[in-house]
Amino acid sequence: MAKFNLRNAAKEVTTFSDLMSNRQKIDTADLVGKELTIRDFDMVNDNKGKPFIIYIMDEYENSFAFGGQVLTNMFAELIQQYGLEDVRKEVQENGLKVKLSTVQSKSKNAENGMYNSYTKVEVL
């Protein structure tokens, strides 16, 4: 049986994208209210097969963020219309300026009677 480095193998298994390498995760809450330039992204699947994006920004060179549902849906639609290669090339070359904000849903959650909040994405 070949020897392997357990630490490196474990990192590979938990790294969804090369964009995460040598970067720290930044929470969406820390990005709310700020104008950001998305410079690259990767569409990946979680362990249940559900797609989401990982993205990096000019303003936080040493960080990456996980996209929420709205940002993931936006990129999924762009990819469906224009193709992954073209969308990614456009983002890498020109960036995509966005501003994230937290908004409250208009209706209450049927399960707990509370209002849900979600992250709104404004394309600038």
Protein backbone atom coordinates (compact mmCIF):
# COMPACT_ATOMS: atom_id res chain seq x y z
CA MET A 1 0.00 0.00 0.00
CA ALA A 2 1.36 3.40 -0.98
CA LYS A 3 2.12 5.94 1.67
CA PHE A 4 0.20 9.17 1.54
CA ASN A 5 0.09 12.39 3.47
CA LEU A 6 -3.15 12.30 5.46
CA ARG A 7 -3.24 16.08 5.96
CA ASN A 8 -2.87 16.81 2.23
CA ALA A 9 -5.38 14.11 1.28
CA ALA A 10 -7.94 15.51 3.73
CA LYS A 11 -7.45 19.03 2.35
CA GLU A 12 -8.04 17.80 -1.20
CA VAL A 13 -11.27 16.06 -0.19
CA THR A 14 -12.64 19.21 1.48
CA THR A 15 -11.53 21.69 -1.18
CA PHE A 16 -14.32 22.23 -3.70
CA SER A 17 -12.40 24.63 -5.95
CA ASP A 18 -8.89 25.81 -6.75
CA LEU A 19 -10.14 29.32 -5.92
CA MET A 20 -10.08 28.28 -2.26
CA SER A 21 -6.37 27.42 -2.28
CA ASN A 22 -4.23 29.78 -0.20
CA ARG A 23 -7.27 31.93 0.63
CA GLN A 24 -9.37 32.33 3.75
CA LYS A 25 -13.14 32.02 3.70
CA ILE A 26 -14.94 35.31 4.27
CA ASP A 27 -18.53 35.27 5.52
CA THR A 28 -21.27 36.86 3.45
CA ALA A 29 -22.26 38.90 6.52
CA ASP A 30 -18.88 40.65 6.29
CA LEU A 31 -19.58 41.60 2.65
CA VAL A 32 -23.10 43.00 3.09
CA GLY A 33 -23.35 46.70 2.26
CA LYS A 34 -20.07 46.82 0.35
CA GLU A 35 -19.49 47.26 -3.36
CA LEU A 36 -17.57 44.24 -4.61
CA THR A 37 -15.94 43.26 -7.88
CA ILE A 38 -16.26 39.54 -8.51
CA ARG A 39 -13.12 38.61 -10.44
CA ASP A 40 -13.53 34.84 -10.78
CA PHE A 41 -15.96 32.12 -9.80
CA ASP A 42 -16.41 28.40 -9.87
CA MET A 43 -19.73 26.55 -10.00
CA VAL A 44 -19.46 23.41 -7.89
CA ASN A 45 -21.76 20.88 -6.23
CA ASP A 46 -22.05 20.18 -2.53
CA ASN A 47 -21.98 16.61 -1.21
CA LYS A 48 -25.71 16.28 -1.98
CA GLY A 49 -25.24 17.38 -5.58
CA LYS A 50 -26.71 20.87 -5.09
CA PRO A 51 -24.85 23.54 -7.11
CA PHE A 52 -23.40 26.69 -5.57
CA ILE A 53 -20.72 29.17 -6.51
CA ILE A 54 -17.43 30.01 -4.92
CA TYR A 55 -16.10 33.42 -5.87
CA ILE A 56 -13.17 35.74 -5.31
CA MET A 57 -13.18 39.55 -5.27
CA ASP A 58 -10.70 42.29 -6.09
CA GLU A 59 -11.35 43.95 -2.74
CA TYR A 60 -10.39 40.83 -0.75
CA GLU A 61 -7.50 39.25 -2.67
CA ASN A 62 -6.71 36.70 0.03
CA SER A 63 -10.30 35.56 0.55
CA PHE A 64 -13.02 33.56 -1.13
CA ALA A 65 -16.75 33.44 -0.43
CA PHE A 66 -19.54 30.96 -0.93
CA GLY A 67 -22.39 32.35 -3.01
CA GLY A 68 -25.88 32.19 -1.60
CA GLN A 69 -28.95 31.07 -3.49
CA VAL A 70 -29.55 34.36 -5.32
CA LEU A 71 -25.97 34.70 -6.56
CA THR A 72 -25.82 31.01 -7.47
CA ASN A 73 -29.09 31.25 -9.40
CA MET A 74 -27.87 34.36 -11.23
CA PHE A 75 -24.66 32.66 -12.37
CA ALA A 76 -26.50 29.43 -13.24
CA GLU A 77 -28.81 31.42 -15.52
CA LEU A 78 -25.89 33.25 -17.14
CA ILE A 79 -24.08 29.96 -17.70
CA GLN A 80 -27.19 28.40 -19.20
CA GLN A 81 -27.61 31.33 -21.61
CA TYR A 82 -23.98 32.04 -22.56
CA GLY A 83 -21.91 29.03 -21.49
CA LEU A 84 -19.48 28.60 -18.62
CA GLU A 85 -16.36 29.49 -20.59
CA ASP A 86 -17.74 32.79 -21.92
CA VAL A 87 -19.22 33.89 -18.59
CA ARG A 88 -16.05 33.03 -16.69
CA LYS A 89 -13.85 34.78 -19.27
CA GLU A 90 -15.99 37.92 -19.07
CA VAL A 91 -15.86 37.94 -15.26
CA GLN A 92 -12.09 37.37 -15.22
CA GLU A 93 -11.40 40.12 -17.77
CA ASN A 94 -13.92 42.77 -16.72
CA GLY A 95 -15.16 41.80 -13.28
CA LEU A 96 -18.77 41.97 -12.14
CA LYS A 97 -19.60 44.76 -9.72
CA VAL A 98 -22.24 43.85 -7.17
CA LYS A 99 -23.56 45.03 -3.85
CA LEU A 100 -24.99 42.58 -1.33
CA SER A 101 -27.70 43.51 1.14
CA THR A 102 -29.85 41.61 3.60
CA VAL A 103 -33.59 41.84 3.09
CA GLN A 104 -36.51 40.29 4.91
CA SER A 105 -39.06 38.15 3.11
CA LYS A 106 -42.55 39.59 2.71
CA SER A 107 -44.29 36.54 4.10
CA LYS A 108 -43.74 34.47 7.21
CA ASN A 109 -42.24 31.00 7.16
CA ALA A 110 -45.09 28.49 7.50
CA GLU A 111 -43.06 26.24 9.79
CA ASN A 112 -41.99 28.74 12.43
CA GLY A 113 -44.07 31.87 11.81
CA MET A 114 -40.91 33.98 11.44
CA TYR A 115 -39.82 36.16 8.56
CA ASN A 116 -36.85 34.78 6.64
CA SER A 117 -34.00 36.97 5.53
CA TYR A 118 -31.97 36.51 2.40
CA THR A 119 -29.09 38.19 0.62
CA LYS A 120 -30.14 40.46 -2.22
CA VAL A 121 -27.66 40.93 -5.07
CA GLU A 122 -27.64 44.28 -6.82
CA VAL A 123 -25.61 44.34 -10.03
CA LEU A 124 -23.93 47.75 -10.30
